[in-house]
């Protein structure tokens, strides 16, 4: 079963790192509180309800991957991850998002019934990415974020914003088959 992912072009690859150029995309996103797991689960449920028909026309929207989560800082300042250097937020607020299928525009997507679910257009963006498999936790995401930040420095690139943690598989996927990523936007 093929699940749509955001469209991107790989500009540079050095396993397990990639520099990608993403096409514009639309996100359905929600802000939630808690630790990484709580926020991820709560955010997933809210957005899943939207795509499974909790919208103004009760229309089902195809599932896409990944589910992304990013930590919100109190001042919206750069933190050393969308996960590190410490992924646990003192504010404990996160943004969880799904990329909407590419067949939709902001105008053609049904409006969410839950006001917590927001739709937002993202312009084309360059991102540095590190991929890893297995289970995740705050410390693993923080460690991978540090690795990604080091790789970015070796390329003389400038990170822009906070890291994003992306999960591509359902929870029943065997750990060695799971695809996880930490992403950082790169300034042009």
C-alpha atoms as a PDB file:
ATOM      1  CA  UNK A   1       0.000   0.000   0.000  1.00  0.00           C
ATOM      2  CA  UNK A   2       1.721   3.162  -1.201  1.00  0.00           C
ATOM      3  CA  UNK A   3       1.230   6.173   1.054  1.00  0.00           C
ATOM      4  CA  UNK A   4       1.997   9.600  -0.380  1.00  0.00           C
ATOM      5  CA  UNK A   5       5.001  11.478   1.003  1.00  0.00           C
ATOM      6  CA  UNK A   6       5.952  15.110   0.435  1.00  0.00           C
ATOM      7  CA  UNK A   7       7.695  15.628  -2.896  1.00  0.00           C
ATOM      8  CA  UNK A   8      11.381  16.508  -2.705  1.00  0.00           C
ATOM      9  CA  UNK A   9      14.637  16.368  -4.643  1.00  0.00           C
ATOM     10  CA  UNK A  10      17.827  15.117  -2.987  1.00  0.00           C
ATOM     11  CA  UNK A  11      20.526  17.779  -3.452  1.00  0.00           C
ATOM     12  CA  UNK A  12      23.253  15.961  -1.512  1.00  0.00           C
ATOM     13  CA  UNK A  13      23.519  12.591   0.217  1.00  0.00           C
ATOM     14  CA  UNK A  14      26.037  11.262   2.734  1.00  0.00           C
ATOM     15  CA  UNK A  15      24.440   8.317   4.594  1.00  0.00           C
ATOM     16  CA  UNK A  16      22.502   8.743   6.839  1.00  0.00           C
ATOM     17  CA  UNK A  17      22.247  12.477   5.962  1.00  0.00           C
ATOM     18  CA  UNK A  18      20.523  14.191   3.048  1.00  0.00           C
ATOM     19  CA  UNK A  19      20.029  17.753   1.904  1.00  0.00           C
ATOM     20  CA  UNK A  20      16.591  17.963   0.263  1.00  0.00           C
ATOM     21  CA  UNK A  21      14.580  20.573  -1.600  1.00  0.00           C
ATOM     22  CA  UNK A  22      10.880  20.110  -0.758  1.00  0.00           C
ATOM     23  CA  UNK A  23       8.071  21.282  -3.030  1.00  0.00           C
ATOM     24  CA  UNK A  24       5.411  23.563  -1.515  1.00  0.00           C
ATOM     25  CA  UNK A  25       2.956  21.653   0.677  1.00  0.00           C
ATOM     26  CA  UNK A  26      -0.115  22.075   2.837  1.00  0.00           C
ATOM     27  CA  UNK A  27      -0.081  20.985   6.480  1.00  0.00           C
ATOM     28  CA  UNK A  28      -2.901  20.118   8.828  1.00  0.00           C
ATOM     29  CA  UNK A  29      -1.460  20.882  12.242  1.00  0.00           C
ATOM     30  CA  UNK A  30      -2.397  21.132  15.887  1.00  0.00           C
ATOM     31  CA  UNK A  31      -0.637  22.523  18.959  1.00  0.00           C
ATOM     32  CA  UNK A  32      -0.612  20.169  21.942  1.00  0.00           C
ATOM     33  CA  UNK A  33       0.986  19.970  25.392  1.00  0.00           C
ATOM     34  CA  UNK A  34       2.912  17.200  27.123  1.00  0.00           C
ATOM     35  CA  UNK A  35       6.127  15.294  26.607  1.00  0.00           C
ATOM     36  CA  UNK A  36       7.163  13.988  23.179  1.00  0.00           C
ATOM     37  CA  UNK A  37       5.061  10.796  23.378  1.00  0.00           C
ATOM     38  CA  UNK A  38       1.958  12.412  24.871  1.00  0.00           C
ATOM     39  CA  UNK A  39       2.038  15.261  22.362  1.00  0.00           C
ATOM     40  CA  UNK A  40       2.654  12.922  19.454  1.00  0.00           C
ATOM     41  CA  UNK A  41      -0.275  10.652  20.406  1.00  0.00           C
ATOM     42  CA  UNK A  42      -2.694  13.482  21.178  1.00  0.00           C
ATOM     43  CA  UNK A  43      -1.782  15.426  18.019  1.00  0.00           C
ATOM     44  CA  UNK A  44      -2.060  12.309  15.854  1.00  0.00           C
ATOM     45  CA  UNK A  45      -5.564  11.566  17.161  1.00  0.00           C
ATOM     46  CA  UNK A  46      -6.804  15.129  16.552  1.00  0.00           C
ATOM     47  CA  UNK A  47      -5.520  15.307  12.968  1.00  0.00           C
ATOM     48  CA  UNK A  48      -6.533  11.713  12.200  1.00  0.00           C
ATOM     49  CA  UNK A  49     -10.098  12.599  13.227  1.00  0.00           C
ATOM     50  CA  UNK A  50      -9.997  15.462  10.696  1.00  0.00           C
ATOM     51  CA  UNK A  51      -8.771  13.310   7.798  1.00  0.00           C
ATOM     52  CA  UNK A  52     -11.154  10.472   8.686  1.00  0.00           C
ATOM     53  CA  UNK A  53     -14.139  12.780   8.206  1.00  0.00           C
ATOM     54  CA  UNK A  54     -14.389  15.209  11.125  1.00  0.00           C
ATOM     55  CA  UNK A  55     -14.640  18.134   8.718  1.00  0.00           C
ATOM     56  CA  UNK A  56     -17.393  20.326   7.305  1.00  0.00           C
ATOM     57  CA  UNK A  57     -18.287  17.912   4.499  1.00  0.00           C
ATOM     58  CA  UNK A  58     -17.513  14.614   6.309  1.00  0.00           C
ATOM     59  CA  UNK A  59     -14.980  13.857   3.559  1.00  0.00           C
ATOM     60  CA  UNK A  60     -12.263  11.266   4.116  1.00  0.00           C
ATOM     61  CA  UNK A  61      -8.774  12.463   3.143  1.00  0.00           C
ATOM     62  CA  UNK A  62      -6.030   9.984   2.272  1.00  0.00           C
ATOM     63  CA  UNK A  63      -3.390   9.355   4.912  1.00  0.00           C
ATOM     64  CA  UNK A  64       0.105  10.588   4.085  1.00  0.00           C
ATOM     65  CA  UNK A  65       3.459  10.262   5.809  1.00  0.00           C
ATOM     66  CA  UNK A  66       5.281  11.399   7.802  1.00  0.00           C
ATOM     67  CA  UNK A  67       3.644  12.563  10.998  1.00  0.00           C
ATOM     68  CA  UNK A  68       5.881  15.440  12.096  1.00  0.00           C
ATOM     69  CA  UNK A  69       6.324  17.000  15.502  1.00  0.00           C
ATOM     70  CA  UNK A  70       8.249  20.094  16.471  1.00  0.00           C
ATOM     71  CA  UNK A  71       8.848  21.679  19.816  1.00  0.00           C
ATOM     72  CA  UNK A  72       7.524  25.185  20.370  1.00  0.00           C
ATOM     73  CA  UNK A  73       9.749  27.520  22.319  1.00  0.00           C
ATOM     74  CA  UNK A  74       8.372  30.237  24.525  1.00  0.00           C
ATOM     75  CA  UNK A  75      10.174  32.981  22.589  1.00  0.00           C
ATOM     76  CA  UNK A  76      10.144  31.191  19.253  1.00  0.00           C
ATOM     77  CA  UNK A  77      13.935  31.287  19.376  1.00  0.00           C
ATOM     78  CA  UNK A  78      16.146  28.647  17.780  1.00  0.00           C
ATOM     79  CA  UNK A  79      16.532  25.633  20.015  1.00  0.00           C
ATOM     80  CA  UNK A  80      19.255  23.118  19.435  1.00  0.00           C
ATOM     81  CA  UNK A  81      16.873  20.486  17.990  1.00  0.00           C
ATOM     82  CA  UNK A  82      13.142  19.958  16.714  1.00  0.00           C
ATOM     83  CA  UNK A  83      14.455  17.882  18.954  1.00  0.00           C
ATOM     84  CA  UNK A  84      17.765  18.849  20.784  1.00  0.00           C
ATOM     85  CA  UNK A  85      19.887  19.641  22.473  1.00  0.00           C
ATOM     86  CA  UNK A  86      17.318  18.902  25.018  1.00  0.00           C
ATOM     87  CA  UNK A  87      14.063  17.867  23.435  1.00  0.00           C
ATOM     88  CA  UNK A  88      12.011  18.209  26.598  1.00  0.00           C
ATOM     89  CA  UNK A  89      10.429  21.612  26.474  1.00  0.00           C
ATOM     90  CA  UNK A  90      10.018  23.645  29.616  1.00  0.00           C
ATOM     91  CA  UNK A  91       6.820  24.956  28.077  1.00  0.00           C
ATOM     92  CA  UNK A  92       5.896  21.435  26.903  1.00  0.00           C
ATOM     93  CA  UNK A  93       4.140  22.643  23.773  1.00  0.00           C
ATOM     94  CA  UNK A  94       4.479  20.927  20.425  1.00  0.00           C
ATOM     95  CA  UNK A  95       3.113  21.278  16.905  1.00  0.00           C
ATOM     96  CA  UNK A  96       2.081  17.967  15.325  1.00  0.00           C
ATOM     97  CA  UNK A  97       1.370  17.971  11.578  1.00  0.00           C
ATOM     98  CA  UNK A  98       0.374  15.820   8.618  1.00  0.00           C
ATOM     99  CA  UNK A  99       1.153  16.828   5.049  1.00  0.00           C
ATOM    100  CA  UNK A 100      -2.064  16.899   3.036  1.00  0.00           C
ATOM    101  CA  UNK A 101      -2.256  14.936  -0.241  1.00  0.00           C
ATOM    102  CA  UNK A 102      -0.845  16.911  -3.181  1.00  0.00           C
ATOM    103  CA  UNK A 103      -4.171  16.814  -5.055  1.00  0.00           C
ATOM    104  CA  UNK A 104      -5.579  19.460  -2.668  1.00  0.00           C
ATOM    105  CA  UNK A 105      -5.236  23.221  -2.437  1.00  0.00           C
ATOM    106  CA  UNK A 106      -6.056  25.283   0.652  1.00  0.00           C
ATOM    107  CA  UNK A 107      -9.325  26.169  -1.044  1.00  0.00           C
ATOM    108  CA  UNK A 108     -10.308  22.590  -1.927  1.00  0.00           C
ATOM    109  CA  UNK A 109      -9.519  20.994   1.458  1.00  0.00           C
ATOM    110  CA  UNK A 110     -12.570  20.597   3.682  1.00  0.00           C
ATOM    111  CA  UNK A 111     -12.492  22.836   6.749  1.00  0.00           C
ATOM    112  CA  UNK A 112     -11.824  21.086  10.079  1.00  0.00           C
ATOM    113  CA  UNK A 113     -14.692  20.962  12.586  1.00  0.00           C
ATOM    114  CA  UNK A 114     -12.224  21.069  15.486  1.00  0.00           C
ATOM    115  CA  UNK A 115     -10.808  24.590  15.772  1.00  0.00           C
ATOM    116  CA  UNK A 116      -7.530  23.156  17.133  1.00  0.00           C
ATOM    117  CA  UNK A 117      -6.775  21.706  13.679  1.00  0.00           C
ATOM    118  CA  UNK A 118      -5.334  24.400  11.415  1.00  0.00           C
ATOM    119  CA  UNK A 119      -4.445  24.251   7.700  1.00  0.00           C
ATOM    120  CA  UNK A 120      -1.317  26.042   6.522  1.00  0.00           C
ATOM    121  CA  UNK A 121       0.525  26.411   3.192  1.00  0.00           C
ATOM    122  CA  UNK A 122       4.317  25.919   3.348  1.00  0.00           C
ATOM    123  CA  UNK A 123       6.477  27.328   0.526  1.00  0.00           C
ATOM    124  CA  UNK A 124       9.289  25.306  -1.053  1.00  0.00           C
ATOM    125  CA  UNK A 125      11.939  24.672   1.583  1.00  0.00           C
ATOM    126  CA  UNK A 126      15.453  23.236   1.781  1.00  0.00           C
ATOM    127  CA  UNK A 127      15.945  20.778   4.664  1.00  0.00           C
ATOM    128  CA  UNK A 128      18.839  18.802   6.090  1.00  0.00           C
ATOM    129  CA  UNK A 129      17.686  15.367   7.251  1.00  0.00           C
ATOM    130  CA  UNK A 130      19.117  12.468   9.240  1.00  0.00           C
ATOM    131  CA  UNK A 131      17.347   9.116   8.997  1.00  0.00           C
ATOM    132  CA  UNK A 132      17.281   6.371  11.638  1.00  0.00           C
ATOM    133  CA  UNK A 133      15.321   3.206  12.400  1.00  0.00           C
ATOM    134  CA  UNK A 134      14.021   1.601  15.551  1.00  0.00           C
ATOM    135  CA  UNK A 135      12.106   3.015  18.468  1.00  0.00           C
ATOM    136  CA  UNK A 136      12.445   6.671  19.346  1.00  0.00           C
ATOM    137  CA  UNK A 137      12.522   8.597  22.591  1.00  0.00           C
ATOM    138  CA  UNK A 138      13.459  12.145  23.550  1.00  0.00           C
ATOM    139  CA  UNK A 139      17.121  11.273  24.095  1.00  0.00           C
ATOM    140  CA  UNK A 140      17.489   9.449  20.767  1.00  0.00           C
ATOM    141  CA  UNK A 141      15.862  12.356  18.906  1.00  0.00           C
ATOM    142  CA  UNK A 142      18.143  14.797  20.769  1.00  0.00           C
ATOM    143  CA  UNK A 143      21.231  12.723  19.858  1.00  0.00           C
ATOM    144  CA  UNK A 144      20.213  12.532  16.182  1.00  0.00           C
ATOM    145  CA  UNK A 145      19.564  16.283  16.175  1.00  0.00           C
ATOM    146  CA  UNK A 146      23.095  16.916  17.438  1.00  0.00           C
ATOM    147  CA  UNK A 147      24.493  14.642  14.713  1.00  0.00           C
ATOM    148  CA  UNK A 148      22.484  16.533  12.102  1.00  0.00           C
ATOM    149  CA  UNK A 149      23.646  19.912  13.422  1.00  0.00           C
ATOM    150  CA  UNK A 150      27.273  18.742  13.195  1.00  0.00           C
ATOM    151  CA  UNK A 151      26.744  17.552   9.605  1.00  0.00           C
ATOM    152  CA  UNK A 152      25.182  20.918   8.733  1.00  0.00           C
ATOM    153  CA  UNK A 153      28.245  22.711  10.160  1.00  0.00           C
ATOM    154  CA  UNK A 154      30.630  20.557   8.095  1.00  0.00           C
ATOM    155  CA  UNK A 155      28.735  21.698   4.975  1.00  0.00           C
ATOM    156  CA  UNK A 156      28.901  25.389   5.988  1.00  0.00           C
ATOM    157  CA  UNK A 157      25.101  25.531   5.925  1.00  0.00           C
ATOM    158  CA  UNK A 158      22.945  27.647   8.225  1.00  0.00           C
ATOM    159  CA  UNK A 159      20.042  26.013  10.065  1.00  0.00           C
ATOM    160  CA  UNK A 160      16.861  28.036  10.241  1.00  0.00           C
ATOM    161  CA  UNK A 161      14.190  27.393  12.889  1.00  0.00           C
ATOM    162  CA  UNK A 162      13.660  24.437  15.171  1.00  0.00           C
ATOM    163  CA  UNK A 163      14.178  20.740  14.351  1.00  0.00           C
ATOM    164  CA  UNK A 164      11.250  18.579  13.323  1.00  0.00           C
ATOM    165  CA  UNK A 165      10.911  14.906  14.203  1.00  0.00           C
ATOM    166  CA  UNK A 166       9.136  12.781  11.579  1.00  0.00           C
ATOM    167  CA  UNK A 167       7.674   9.264  11.906  1.00  0.00           C
ATOM    168  CA  UNK A 168       6.760   7.303   8.784  1.00  0.00           C
ATOM    169  CA  UNK A 169       5.333   4.021  10.111  1.00  0.00           C
ATOM    170  CA  UNK A 170       2.361   2.821  12.137  1.00  0.00           C
ATOM    171  CA  UNK A 171       3.096   1.670  15.704  1.00  0.00           C
ATOM    172  CA  UNK A 172       2.868  -2.040  14.838  1.00  0.00           C
ATOM    173  CA  UNK A 173       5.840  -1.821  12.430  1.00  0.00           C
ATOM    174  CA  UNK A 174       8.802  -3.924  13.568  1.00  0.00           C
ATOM    175  CA  UNK A 175      11.478  -1.651  15.076  1.00  0.00           C
ATOM    176  CA  UNK A 176      14.207  -2.477  12.528  1.00  0.00           C
ATOM    177  CA  UNK A 177      11.796  -1.562   9.706  1.00  0.00           C
ATOM    178  CA  UNK A 178      10.763   1.817  11.141  1.00  0.00           C
ATOM    179  CA  UNK A 179      11.782   5.015   9.386  1.00  0.00           C
ATOM    180  CA  UNK A 180      12.300   8.097  11.522  1.00  0.00           C
ATOM    181  CA  UNK A 181      13.901  11.409  10.598  1.00  0.00           C
ATOM    182  CA  UNK A 182      15.047  14.601  12.203  1.00  0.00           C
ATOM    183  CA  UNK A 183      14.824  17.587   9.844  1.00  0.00           C
ATOM    184  CA  UNK A 184      16.180  21.118  10.041  1.00  0.00           C
ATOM    185  CA  UNK A 185      15.255  23.864   7.589  1.00  0.00           C
ATOM    186  CA  UNK A 186      18.267  25.429   5.881  1.00  0.00           C
ATOM    187  CA  UNK A 187      18.561  29.151   5.145  1.00  0.00           C
ATOM    188  CA  UNK A 188      19.011  29.860   1.422  1.00  0.00           C
END
